[in-house]
């Protein structure tokens, strides 16, 4: 079963590359984190990573020229992330939401692209059922990827297996999927032609 488009292929490659980067950095992540903490730069580095991600999302949205609803929703999503992430004492715990949010978002977008190309551009694509299977698929794949992350950590001498981290990885993917879906639905609502009564 091949790719349905060049875009789908790129999305799968990006998702796989992100996972490879995450997995390959697991050993070195602890010494780097400790060094940043000792230099009082860890919180700044984590905040900078999130700001960079938010800027990337904003620039991506600018290219599609969304309406005001999408920008208001994006502000709400950012505020929600700020509230959620402020509840974690350790800055490195927040990175689970960034890493696996990116992976989950890429997987979801790749699955949506596959669905669009196999079913064609139809009205049913915007239905809740059409959203359900790519969302469930992305959630399951992200959850498994996050679990593999922890299995790898279990065998590393400077890391350990933590079910709480598995849950945070899955939650990061789920939040990204819901955010992407919500923003896309609002964009579609804004693009619908308005019909005026006679």
N, C-alpha and C. Protein backbone atom coordinates (compact mmCIF):
# COMPACT_ATOMS: atom_id res chain seq x y z
N UNK A 1 0.85 -1.18 0.00
CA UNK A 1 0.00 0.00 0.00
C UNK A 1 0.90 1.24 0.00
N UNK A 2 0.90 1.95 -1.13
CA UNK A 2 1.78 3.10 -1.29
C UNK A 2 1.15 4.39 -0.81
N UNK A 3 1.88 5.46 -1.02
CA UNK A 3 1.38 6.79 -0.66
C UNK A 3 0.38 7.24 -1.71
N UNK A 4 -0.57 8.06 -1.29
CA UNK A 4 -1.59 8.55 -2.22
C UNK A 4 -1.20 9.88 -2.85
N UNK A 5 -0.18 10.53 -2.31
CA UNK A 5 0.28 11.81 -2.87
C UNK A 5 1.68 12.12 -2.34
N UNK A 6 2.33 13.06 -2.99
CA UNK A 6 3.65 13.49 -2.53
C UNK A 6 3.54 14.13 -1.15
N UNK A 7 2.43 14.83 -0.88
CA UNK A 7 2.24 15.48 0.42
C UNK A 7 2.13 14.43 1.53
N UNK A 8 1.36 13.36 1.26
CA UNK A 8 1.24 12.31 2.27
C UNK A 8 2.60 11.69 2.56
N UNK A 9 3.37 11.44 1.51
CA UNK A 9 4.70 10.87 1.67
C UNK A 9 5.58 11.77 2.54
N UNK A 10 5.55 13.08 2.27
CA UNK A 10 6.34 14.03 3.06
C UNK A 10 5.93 14.01 4.53
N UNK A 11 4.62 13.94 4.78
CA UNK A 11 4.12 13.95 6.16
C UNK A 11 4.57 12.71 6.92
N UNK A 12 4.51 11.54 6.27
CA UNK A 12 4.97 10.31 6.94
C UNK A 12 6.48 10.38 7.20
N UNK A 13 7.23 10.90 6.24
CA UNK A 13 8.67 11.01 6.42
C UNK A 13 8.99 11.97 7.56
N UNK A 14 8.27 13.09 7.63
CA UNK A 14 8.48 14.04 8.73
C UNK A 14 8.16 13.42 10.08
N UNK A 15 7.04 12.70 10.16
CA UNK A 15 6.65 12.06 11.42
C UNK A 15 7.71 11.03 11.83
N UNK A 16 8.16 10.22 10.88
CA UNK A 16 9.20 9.23 11.18
C UNK A 16 10.50 9.89 11.59
N UNK A 17 10.86 10.98 10.93
CA UNK A 17 12.09 11.70 11.26
C UNK A 17 12.02 12.28 12.67
N UNK A 18 10.86 12.82 13.04
CA UNK A 18 10.69 13.37 14.40
C UNK A 18 10.87 12.26 15.44
N UNK A 19 10.27 11.09 15.17
CA UNK A 19 10.41 9.99 16.12
C UNK A 19 11.86 9.53 16.22
N UNK A 20 12.54 9.41 15.09
CA UNK A 20 13.95 9.02 15.12
C UNK A 20 14.79 10.01 15.91
N UNK A 21 14.49 11.30 15.74
CA UNK A 21 15.22 12.33 16.48
C UNK A 21 14.95 12.20 17.98
N UNK A 22 13.69 11.98 18.34
CA UNK A 22 13.33 11.82 19.76
C UNK A 22 14.05 10.60 20.34
N UNK A 23 13.93 9.46 19.66
CA UNK A 23 14.53 8.22 20.17
C UNK A 23 16.06 8.32 20.25
N UNK A 24 16.66 8.91 19.24
CA UNK A 24 18.13 8.96 19.22
C UNK A 24 18.70 9.96 20.23
N UNK A 25 17.86 10.86 20.73
CA UNK A 25 18.35 11.85 21.70
C UNK A 25 18.04 11.47 23.14
N UNK A 26 17.45 10.30 23.36
CA UNK A 26 17.04 9.93 24.72
C UNK A 26 18.21 9.83 25.69
N UNK A 27 19.32 9.29 25.24
CA UNK A 27 20.47 9.15 26.15
C UNK A 27 21.08 10.50 26.49
N UNK A 28 21.25 11.32 25.48
CA UNK A 28 21.93 12.61 25.69
C UNK A 28 21.00 13.66 26.33
N UNK A 29 19.70 13.42 26.27
CA UNK A 29 18.74 14.42 26.77
C UNK A 29 18.94 14.72 28.26
N UNK A 30 19.22 13.68 29.05
CA UNK A 30 19.39 13.90 30.50
C UNK A 30 20.59 14.79 30.82
N UNK A 31 21.80 14.52 30.27
CA UNK A 31 22.93 15.42 30.55
C UNK A 31 22.68 16.85 30.05
N UNK A 32 22.04 16.98 28.89
CA UNK A 32 21.76 18.32 28.36
C UNK A 32 20.78 19.05 29.27
N UNK A 33 19.74 18.34 29.71
CA UNK A 33 18.76 18.93 30.62
C UNK A 33 19.42 19.36 31.92
N UNK A 34 20.27 18.50 32.47
CA UNK A 34 20.96 18.84 33.72
C UNK A 34 21.86 20.07 33.54
N UNK A 35 22.56 20.13 32.41
CA UNK A 35 23.43 21.27 32.14
C UNK A 35 22.63 22.57 32.05
N UNK A 36 21.49 22.50 31.32
CA UNK A 36 20.63 23.69 31.20
C UNK A 36 20.06 24.11 32.54
N UNK A 37 19.70 23.12 33.37
CA UNK A 37 19.16 23.44 34.70
C UNK A 37 20.24 24.11 35.56
N UNK A 38 21.45 23.55 35.52
CA UNK A 38 22.55 24.13 36.31
C UNK A 38 22.88 25.55 35.87
N UNK A 39 22.68 25.83 34.58
CA UNK A 39 22.96 27.17 34.05
C UNK A 39 21.74 28.09 34.16
N UNK A 40 20.68 27.62 34.84
CA UNK A 40 19.42 28.37 34.96
C UNK A 40 18.84 28.75 33.60
N UNK A 41 18.97 27.85 32.63
CA UNK A 41 18.46 28.11 31.28
C UNK A 41 17.37 27.14 30.84
N UNK A 42 17.04 26.16 31.69
CA UNK A 42 16.11 25.12 31.27
C UNK A 42 14.71 25.68 30.99
N UNK A 43 14.18 26.48 31.91
CA UNK A 43 12.85 27.04 31.70
C UNK A 43 12.82 27.92 30.45
N UNK A 44 13.87 28.70 30.26
CA UNK A 44 13.96 29.56 29.09
C UNK A 44 14.02 28.73 27.80
N UNK A 45 14.80 27.65 27.81
CA UNK A 45 14.94 26.81 26.63
C UNK A 45 13.61 26.13 26.28
N UNK A 46 12.90 25.64 27.28
CA UNK A 46 11.61 24.98 27.04
C UNK A 46 10.59 26.00 26.54
N UNK A 47 10.54 27.17 27.16
CA UNK A 47 9.63 28.23 26.70
C UNK A 47 9.96 28.65 25.27
N UNK A 48 11.24 28.75 24.96
CA UNK A 48 11.66 29.10 23.61
C UNK A 48 11.23 28.06 22.59
N UNK A 49 11.32 26.77 22.96
CA UNK A 49 10.88 25.70 22.06
C UNK A 49 9.38 25.82 21.77
N UNK A 50 8.59 26.11 22.80
CA UNK A 50 7.15 26.26 22.59
C UNK A 50 6.82 27.51 21.77
N UNK A 51 7.55 28.60 22.02
CA UNK A 51 7.33 29.81 21.23
C UNK A 51 7.67 29.59 19.76
N UNK A 52 8.73 28.85 19.51
CA UNK A 52 9.11 28.51 18.14
C UNK A 52 8.03 27.67 17.47
N UNK A 53 7.49 26.70 18.21
CA UNK A 53 6.40 25.87 17.67
C UNK A 53 5.16 26.71 17.38
N UNK A 54 4.81 27.61 18.30
CA UNK A 54 3.65 28.48 18.09
C UNK A 54 3.84 29.39 16.89
N UNK A 55 5.06 29.90 16.73
CA UNK A 55 5.36 30.74 15.56
C UNK A 55 5.23 29.95 14.27
N UNK A 56 5.68 28.69 14.28
CA UNK A 56 5.54 27.84 13.11
C UNK A 56 4.09 27.59 12.75
N UNK A 57 3.26 27.34 13.75
CA UNK A 57 1.82 27.14 13.51
C UNK A 57 1.21 28.43 12.96
N UNK A 58 1.56 29.56 13.56
CA UNK A 58 1.04 30.84 13.10
C UNK A 58 1.42 31.14 11.66
N UNK A 59 2.67 30.88 11.31
CA UNK A 59 3.10 31.10 9.92
C UNK A 59 2.40 30.16 8.96
N UNK A 60 2.21 28.92 9.39
CA UNK A 60 1.47 27.97 8.57
C UNK A 60 0.04 28.42 8.32
N UNK A 61 -0.58 28.95 9.37
CA UNK A 61 -1.95 29.45 9.22
C UNK A 61 -2.01 30.68 8.31
N UNK A 62 -1.01 31.54 8.42
CA UNK A 62 -0.99 32.74 7.58
C UNK A 62 -1.04 32.40 6.09
N UNK A 63 -0.37 31.30 5.72
CA UNK A 63 -0.35 30.89 4.32
C UNK A 63 -1.74 30.51 3.82
N UNK A 64 -2.60 30.00 4.72
CA UNK A 64 -3.94 29.60 4.31
C UNK A 64 -4.96 30.74 4.44
N UNK A 65 -4.52 31.88 4.94
CA UNK A 65 -5.37 33.07 5.11
C UNK A 65 -6.72 32.76 5.79
N UNK A 66 -6.65 32.32 7.04
CA UNK A 66 -7.90 31.98 7.73
C UNK A 66 -8.65 33.22 8.18
N UNK A 67 -9.90 33.00 8.55
CA UNK A 67 -10.73 34.10 9.06
C UNK A 67 -10.46 34.35 10.54
N UNK A 68 -11.18 35.31 11.07
CA UNK A 68 -10.97 35.73 12.45
C UNK A 68 -11.28 34.62 13.46
N UNK A 69 -12.25 33.74 13.12
CA UNK A 69 -12.61 32.65 14.04
C UNK A 69 -11.41 31.76 14.35
N UNK A 70 -10.63 31.46 13.31
CA UNK A 70 -9.47 30.60 13.47
C UNK A 70 -8.44 31.25 14.39
N UNK A 71 -8.22 32.57 14.23
CA UNK A 71 -7.25 33.26 15.07
C UNK A 71 -7.71 33.32 16.52
N UNK A 72 -9.02 33.52 16.73
CA UNK A 72 -9.55 33.53 18.10
C UNK A 72 -9.39 32.14 18.73
N UNK A 73 -9.71 31.10 17.93
CA UNK A 73 -9.56 29.73 18.44
C UNK A 73 -8.10 29.41 18.74
N UNK A 74 -7.19 29.86 17.88
CA UNK A 74 -5.76 29.62 18.12
C UNK A 74 -5.32 30.30 19.41
N UNK A 75 -5.79 31.51 19.66
CA UNK A 75 -5.47 32.20 20.91
C UNK A 75 -5.99 31.40 22.11
N UNK A 76 -7.19 30.84 21.97
CA UNK A 76 -7.76 30.01 23.03
C UNK A 76 -6.95 28.74 23.26
N UNK A 77 -6.50 28.12 22.16
CA UNK A 77 -5.68 26.90 22.27
C UNK A 77 -4.36 27.22 22.97
N UNK A 78 -3.74 28.32 22.57
CA UNK A 78 -2.47 28.73 23.21
C UNK A 78 -2.69 28.98 24.70
N UNK A 79 -3.78 29.67 25.04
CA UNK A 79 -4.08 29.93 26.45
C UNK A 79 -4.30 28.62 27.20
N UNK A 80 -5.00 27.68 26.58
CA UNK A 80 -5.22 26.37 27.20
C UNK A 80 -3.92 25.63 27.45
N UNK A 81 -3.01 25.67 26.47
CA UNK A 81 -1.70 25.04 26.64
C UNK A 81 -0.93 25.71 27.78
N UNK A 82 -0.98 27.04 27.86
CA UNK A 82 -0.25 27.76 28.91
C UNK A 82 -0.76 27.33 30.29
N UNK A 83 -2.09 27.24 30.44
CA UNK A 83 -2.67 26.83 31.72
C UNK A 83 -2.28 25.40 32.05
N UNK A 84 -2.40 24.50 31.06
CA UNK A 84 -2.06 23.10 31.28
C UNK A 84 -0.59 22.93 31.65
N UNK A 85 0.29 23.55 30.88
CA UNK A 85 1.72 23.37 31.10
C UNK A 85 2.20 24.02 32.39
N UNK A 86 1.50 25.05 32.85
CA UNK A 86 1.90 25.70 34.11
C UNK A 86 1.68 24.79 35.31
N UNK A 87 0.92 23.72 35.14
CA UNK A 87 0.65 22.80 36.24
C UNK A 87 1.80 21.80 36.47
N UNK A 88 2.75 21.77 35.54
CA UNK A 88 3.89 20.86 35.69
C UNK A 88 5.06 21.61 36.32
N UNK A 89 5.59 21.04 37.40
CA UNK A 89 6.69 21.69 38.11
C UNK A 89 8.00 21.62 37.33
N UNK A 90 8.26 20.47 36.70
CA UNK A 90 9.51 20.28 35.98
C UNK A 90 9.36 20.72 34.53
N UNK A 91 10.19 21.65 34.08
CA UNK A 91 10.07 22.14 32.70
C UNK A 91 10.21 21.04 31.66
N UNK A 92 11.08 20.03 31.92
CA UNK A 92 11.28 18.98 30.92
C UNK A 92 10.03 18.11 30.72
N UNK A 93 9.14 18.07 31.73
CA UNK A 93 7.89 17.33 31.58
C UNK A 93 7.01 17.96 30.50
N UNK A 94 7.12 19.26 30.34
CA UNK A 94 6.31 19.97 29.35
C UNK A 94 6.70 19.59 27.93
N UNK A 95 7.93 19.15 27.75
CA UNK A 95 8.40 18.80 26.40
C UNK A 95 7.66 17.60 25.82
N UNK A 96 7.08 16.75 26.67
CA UNK A 96 6.29 15.63 26.15
C UNK A 96 5.16 16.14 25.24
N UNK A 97 4.55 17.24 25.66
CA UNK A 97 3.43 17.78 24.89
C UNK A 97 3.89 18.39 23.58
N UNK A 98 5.10 18.91 23.56
CA UNK A 98 5.64 19.47 22.32
C UNK A 98 6.08 18.37 21.37
N UNK A 99 6.89 17.44 21.88
CA UNK A 99 7.42 16.36 21.03
C UNK A 99 6.30 15.51 20.44
N UNK A 100 5.44 15.00 21.30
CA UNK A 100 4.42 14.07 20.81
C UNK A 100 3.20 14.80 20.26
N UNK A 101 3.09 16.09 20.55
CA UNK A 101 2.09 16.90 19.85
C UNK A 101 2.47 17.05 18.39
N UNK A 102 3.76 17.27 18.14
CA UNK A 102 4.25 17.37 16.77
C UNK A 102 4.08 16.04 16.04
N UNK A 103 4.46 14.95 16.68
CA UNK A 103 4.32 13.63 16.06
C UNK A 103 2.84 13.32 15.79
N UNK A 104 2.00 13.54 16.78
CA UNK A 104 0.56 13.28 16.61
C UNK A 104 -0.06 14.13 15.53
N UNK A 105 0.33 15.40 15.49
CA UNK A 105 -0.20 16.30 14.45
C UNK A 105 0.21 15.87 13.06
N UNK A 106 1.46 15.45 12.90
CA UNK A 106 1.93 14.99 11.59
C UNK A 106 1.24 13.69 11.18
N UNK A 107 1.08 12.77 12.12
CA UNK A 107 0.40 11.51 11.81
C UNK A 107 -1.06 11.75 11.43
N UNK A 108 -1.72 12.62 12.18
CA UNK A 108 -3.12 12.93 11.89
C UNK A 108 -3.28 13.57 10.52
N UNK A 109 -2.40 14.52 10.21
CA UNK A 109 -2.46 15.19 8.91
C UNK A 109 -2.17 14.21 7.78
N UNK A 110 -1.22 13.30 8.00
CA UNK A 110 -0.92 12.28 6.98
C UNK A 110 -2.13 11.37 6.76
N UNK A 111 -2.79 10.97 7.83
CA UNK A 111 -3.97 10.10 7.70
C UNK A 111 -5.13 10.83 7.05
N UNK A 112 -5.30 12.11 7.37
CA UNK A 112 -6.34 12.91 6.70
C UNK A 112 -6.06 13.03 5.20
N UNK A 113 -4.79 13.24 4.86
CA UNK A 113 -4.40 13.35 3.45
C UNK A 113 -4.69 12.04 2.72
N UNK A 114 -4.38 10.92 3.35
CA UNK A 114 -4.67 9.60 2.74
C UNK A 114 -6.16 9.43 2.54
N UNK A 115 -6.93 9.79 3.57
CA UNK A 115 -8.39 9.65 3.47
C UNK A 115 -8.95 10.53 2.36
N UNK A 116 -8.48 11.76 2.29
CA UNK A 116 -8.96 12.68 1.26
C UNK A 116 -8.67 12.13 -0.13
N UNK A 117 -7.49 11.58 -0.33
CA UNK A 117 -7.10 11.09 -1.65
C UNK A 117 -7.74 9.77 -2.02
N UNK A 118 -8.12 8.97 -1.03
CA UNK A 118 -8.76 7.70 -1.35
C UNK A 118 -10.27 7.85 -1.49
N UNK A 119 -10.86 8.81 -0.77
CA UNK A 119 -12.30 9.03 -0.87
C UNK A 119 -12.66 10.15 -1.85
N UNK A 120 -11.69 10.99 -2.13
CA UNK A 120 -11.97 12.15 -2.98
C UNK A 120 -12.45 13.32 -2.14
N UNK A 121 -12.41 14.50 -2.73
CA UNK A 121 -12.87 15.70 -2.03
C UNK A 121 -14.39 15.68 -2.01
N UNK A 122 -14.97 15.33 -0.89
CA UNK A 122 -16.42 15.28 -0.79
C UNK A 122 -16.87 15.92 0.50
N UNK A 123 -18.16 16.21 0.57
CA UNK A 123 -18.72 16.83 1.76
C UNK A 123 -18.59 15.95 2.98
N UNK A 124 -18.56 14.61 2.78
CA UNK A 124 -18.50 13.73 3.92
C UNK A 124 -17.16 13.81 4.65
N UNK A 125 -16.15 14.36 4.00
CA UNK A 125 -14.85 14.50 4.65
C UNK A 125 -14.91 15.43 5.85
N UNK A 126 -15.79 16.38 5.81
CA UNK A 126 -15.86 17.33 6.92
C UNK A 126 -16.76 16.83 8.05
N UNK A 127 -17.35 15.65 7.88
CA UNK A 127 -18.23 15.12 8.93
C UNK A 127 -17.41 14.60 10.10
N UNK A 128 -18.10 14.38 11.22
CA UNK A 128 -17.41 13.88 12.40
C UNK A 128 -16.86 12.48 12.18
N UNK A 129 -17.58 11.65 11.44
CA UNK A 129 -17.12 10.29 11.20
C UNK A 129 -15.84 10.27 10.37
N UNK A 130 -15.74 11.17 9.41
CA UNK A 130 -14.53 11.24 8.59
C UNK A 130 -13.33 11.66 9.44
N UNK A 131 -13.57 12.47 10.44
CA UNK A 131 -12.51 12.89 11.35
C UNK A 131 -12.12 11.76 12.29
N UNK A 132 -13.08 10.92 12.64
CA UNK A 132 -12.88 9.93 13.70
C UNK A 132 -11.74 8.96 13.41
N UNK A 133 -11.73 8.34 12.23
CA UNK A 133 -10.73 7.30 11.99
C UNK A 133 -9.31 7.85 11.89
N UNK A 134 -9.06 8.94 11.18
CA UNK A 134 -7.69 9.48 11.23
C UNK A 134 -7.30 9.92 12.65
N UNK A 135 -8.25 10.45 13.41
CA UNK A 135 -7.95 10.89 14.78
C UNK A 135 -7.60 9.70 15.67
N UNK A 136 -8.41 8.65 15.58
CA UNK A 136 -8.15 7.44 16.38
C UNK A 136 -6.82 6.82 15.96
N UNK A 137 -6.59 6.74 14.65
CA UNK A 137 -5.33 6.18 14.16
C UNK A 137 -4.13 6.96 14.65
N UNK A 138 -4.21 8.29 14.58
CA UNK A 138 -3.10 9.13 15.04
C UNK A 138 -2.90 8.98 16.54
N UNK A 139 -4.00 8.91 17.30
CA UNK A 139 -3.90 8.77 18.75
C UNK A 139 -3.24 7.44 19.12
N UNK A 140 -3.67 6.35 18.47
CA UNK A 140 -3.11 5.02 18.77
C UNK A 140 -1.63 4.97 18.39
N UNK A 141 -1.30 5.47 17.20
CA UNK A 141 0.10 5.43 16.76
C UNK A 141 0.99 6.31 17.64
N UNK A 142 0.49 7.47 18.04
CA UNK A 142 1.27 8.35 18.92
C UNK A 142 1.45 7.71 20.29
N UNK A 143 0.37 7.11 20.79
CA UNK A 143 0.47 6.41 22.08
C UNK A 143 1.50 5.29 22.05
N UNK A 144 1.49 4.50 20.97
CA UNK A 144 2.47 3.42 20.83
C UNK A 144 3.89 3.97 20.71
N UNK A 145 4.04 5.04 19.94
CA UNK A 145 5.36 5.66 19.78
C UNK A 145 5.88 6.17 21.13
N UNK A 146 4.99 6.76 21.93
CA UNK A 146 5.38 7.24 23.25
C UNK A 146 5.72 6.11 24.20
N UNK A 147 5.03 4.97 24.03
CA UNK A 147 5.32 3.81 24.86
C UNK A 147 6.68 3.21 24.49
N UNK A 148 6.96 3.16 23.18
CA UNK A 148 8.28 2.69 22.73
C UNK A 148 9.38 3.58 23.29
N UNK A 149 9.11 4.89 23.32
CA UNK A 149 10.04 5.86 23.92
C UNK A 149 10.41 5.41 25.34
N UNK A 150 9.41 5.06 26.13
CA UNK A 150 9.65 4.65 27.51
C UNK A 150 10.34 3.30 27.60
N UNK A 151 10.04 2.38 26.69
CA UNK A 151 10.74 1.09 26.67
C UNK A 151 12.22 1.30 26.42
N UNK A 152 12.53 2.20 25.48
CA UNK A 152 13.93 2.50 25.20
C UNK A 152 14.60 3.08 26.45
N UNK A 153 13.88 3.96 27.14
CA UNK A 153 14.44 4.56 28.35
C UNK A 153 14.69 3.52 29.44
N UNK A 154 13.87 2.46 29.45
CA UNK A 154 14.01 1.42 30.48
C UNK A 154 15.36 0.71 30.39
N UNK A 155 15.95 0.66 29.19
CA UNK A 155 17.23 -0.05 29.04
C UNK A 155 18.43 0.90 29.07
N UNK A 156 18.17 2.19 29.06
CA UNK A 156 19.28 3.15 29.12
C UNK A 156 19.75 3.32 30.56
N UNK A 157 21.06 3.42 30.78
CA UNK A 157 21.55 3.50 32.16
C UNK A 157 21.18 4.80 32.88
N UNK A 158 20.93 5.87 32.14
CA UNK A 158 20.64 7.15 32.80
C UNK A 158 19.17 7.56 32.71
N UNK A 159 18.30 6.64 32.27
CA UNK A 159 16.87 6.93 32.17
C UNK A 159 16.08 5.81 32.84
N UNK A 160 14.76 5.99 32.96
CA UNK A 160 13.92 4.94 33.53
C UNK A 160 12.53 4.98 32.91
N UNK A 161 11.83 3.86 33.01
CA UNK A 161 10.47 3.71 32.47
C UNK A 161 9.48 4.37 33.41
N UNK A 162 8.56 5.17 32.84
CA UNK A 162 7.59 5.89 33.66
C UNK A 162 6.25 5.92 32.93
N UNK A 163 5.24 5.26 33.51
CA UNK A 163 3.91 5.22 32.88
C UNK A 163 3.29 6.62 32.79
N UNK A 164 3.64 7.49 33.72
CA UNK A 164 3.13 8.87 33.66
C UNK A 164 3.60 9.56 32.39
N UNK A 165 4.84 9.30 31.99
CA UNK A 165 5.36 9.87 30.75
C UNK A 165 4.65 9.31 29.53
N UNK A 166 4.30 8.02 29.57
CA UNK A 166 3.52 7.41 28.48
C UNK A 166 2.20 8.16 28.32
N UNK A 167 1.55 8.44 29.46
CA UNK A 167 0.27 9.16 29.43
C UNK A 167 0.44 10.57 28.89
N UNK A 168 1.53 11.25 29.29
CA UNK A 168 1.76 12.62 28.81
C UNK A 168 2.04 12.62 27.31
N UNK A 169 2.77 11.61 26.82
CA UNK A 169 3.03 11.52 25.38
C UNK A 169 1.72 11.37 24.61
N UNK A 170 0.85 10.47 25.10
CA UNK A 170 -0.44 10.24 24.43
C UNK A 170 -1.31 11.50 24.51
N UNK A 171 -1.29 12.16 25.66
CA UNK A 171 -2.09 13.39 25.82
C UNK A 171 -1.59 14.48 24.89
N UNK A 172 -0.28 14.59 24.73
CA UNK A 172 0.28 15.58 23.81
C UNK A 172 -0.20 15.36 22.39
N UNK A 173 -0.20 14.09 21.95
CA UNK A 173 -0.71 13.77 20.61
C UNK A 173 -2.19 14.07 20.48
N UNK A 174 -2.97 13.68 21.50
CA UNK A 174 -4.42 13.90 21.45
C UNK A 174 -4.76 15.39 21.40
N UNK A 175 -4.08 16.21 22.18
CA UNK A 175 -4.35 17.65 22.17
C UNK A 175 -4.02 18.27 20.82
N UNK A 176 -2.94 17.81 20.20
CA UNK A 176 -2.58 18.34 18.88
C UNK A 176 -3.63 17.96 17.84
N UNK A 177 -4.10 16.71 17.89
CA UNK A 177 -5.13 16.25 16.95
C UNK A 177 -6.40 17.07 17.11
N UNK A 178 -6.85 17.25 18.34
CA UNK A 178 -8.07 18.04 18.59
C UNK A 178 -7.90 19.48 18.14
N UNK A 179 -6.72 20.04 18.37
CA UNK A 179 -6.46 21.44 17.97
C UNK A 179 -6.49 21.58 16.45
N UNK A 180 -5.83 20.66 15.76
CA UNK A 180 -5.80 20.72 14.29
C UNK A 180 -7.21 20.56 13.74
N UNK A 181 -7.94 19.60 14.27
CA UNK A 181 -9.32 19.38 13.79
C UNK A 181 -10.19 20.61 14.03
N UNK A 182 -10.11 21.17 15.24
CA UNK A 182 -10.93 22.34 15.56
C UNK A 182 -10.61 23.53 14.67
N UNK A 183 -9.33 23.79 14.46
CA UNK A 183 -8.93 24.91 13.60
C UNK A 183 -9.38 24.68 12.16
N UNK A 184 -9.28 23.43 11.69
CA UNK A 184 -9.70 23.12 10.32
C UNK A 184 -11.21 23.28 10.16
N UNK A 185 -11.97 22.85 11.15
CA UNK A 185 -13.44 23.00 11.09
C UNK A 185 -13.82 24.48 11.04
N UNK A 186 -13.17 25.29 11.85
CA UNK A 186 -13.47 26.72 11.84
C UNK A 186 -13.08 27.37 10.52
N UNK A 187 -11.96 26.91 9.94
CA UNK A 187 -11.54 27.43 8.63
C UNK A 187 -12.58 27.08 7.57
N UNK A 188 -13.11 25.86 7.63
CA UNK A 188 -14.13 25.43 6.66
C UNK A 188 -15.41 26.25 6.81
N UNK A 189 -15.78 26.52 8.07
CA UNK A 189 -16.99 27.34 8.31
C UNK A 189 -16.80 28.73 7.72
N UNK A 190 -15.61 29.30 7.88
CA UNK A 190 -15.34 30.62 7.34
C UNK A 190 -15.32 30.66 5.82
N UNK A 191 -15.02 29.50 5.19
CA UNK A 191 -14.95 29.47 3.71
C UNK A 191 -16.29 29.18 3.06
N UNK A 192 -17.30 28.78 3.84
CA UNK A 192 -18.60 28.47 3.24
C UNK A 192 -19.20 29.73 2.64
N UNK A 193 -19.75 29.63 1.42
CA UNK A 193 -20.39 30.81 0.83
C UNK A 193 -21.65 31.16 1.59
N UNK A 194 -21.84 32.43 1.78
CA UNK A 194 -23.03 32.88 2.49
C UNK A 194 -24.17 33.06 1.52
N UNK A 195 -25.32 32.50 1.85
CA UNK A 195 -26.49 32.64 0.99
C UNK A 195 -27.43 33.65 1.63
N UNK A 196 -27.89 34.54 0.85
CA UNK A 196 -28.79 35.58 1.37
C UNK A 196 -30.23 35.23 0.99
N UNK A 197 -31.12 35.49 1.94
CA UNK A 197 -32.53 35.26 1.67
C UNK A 197 -33.09 36.29 0.69
N UNK A 198 -34.12 35.88 -0.03
CA UNK A 198 -34.73 36.78 -1.00
C UNK A 198 -35.77 37.67 -0.37
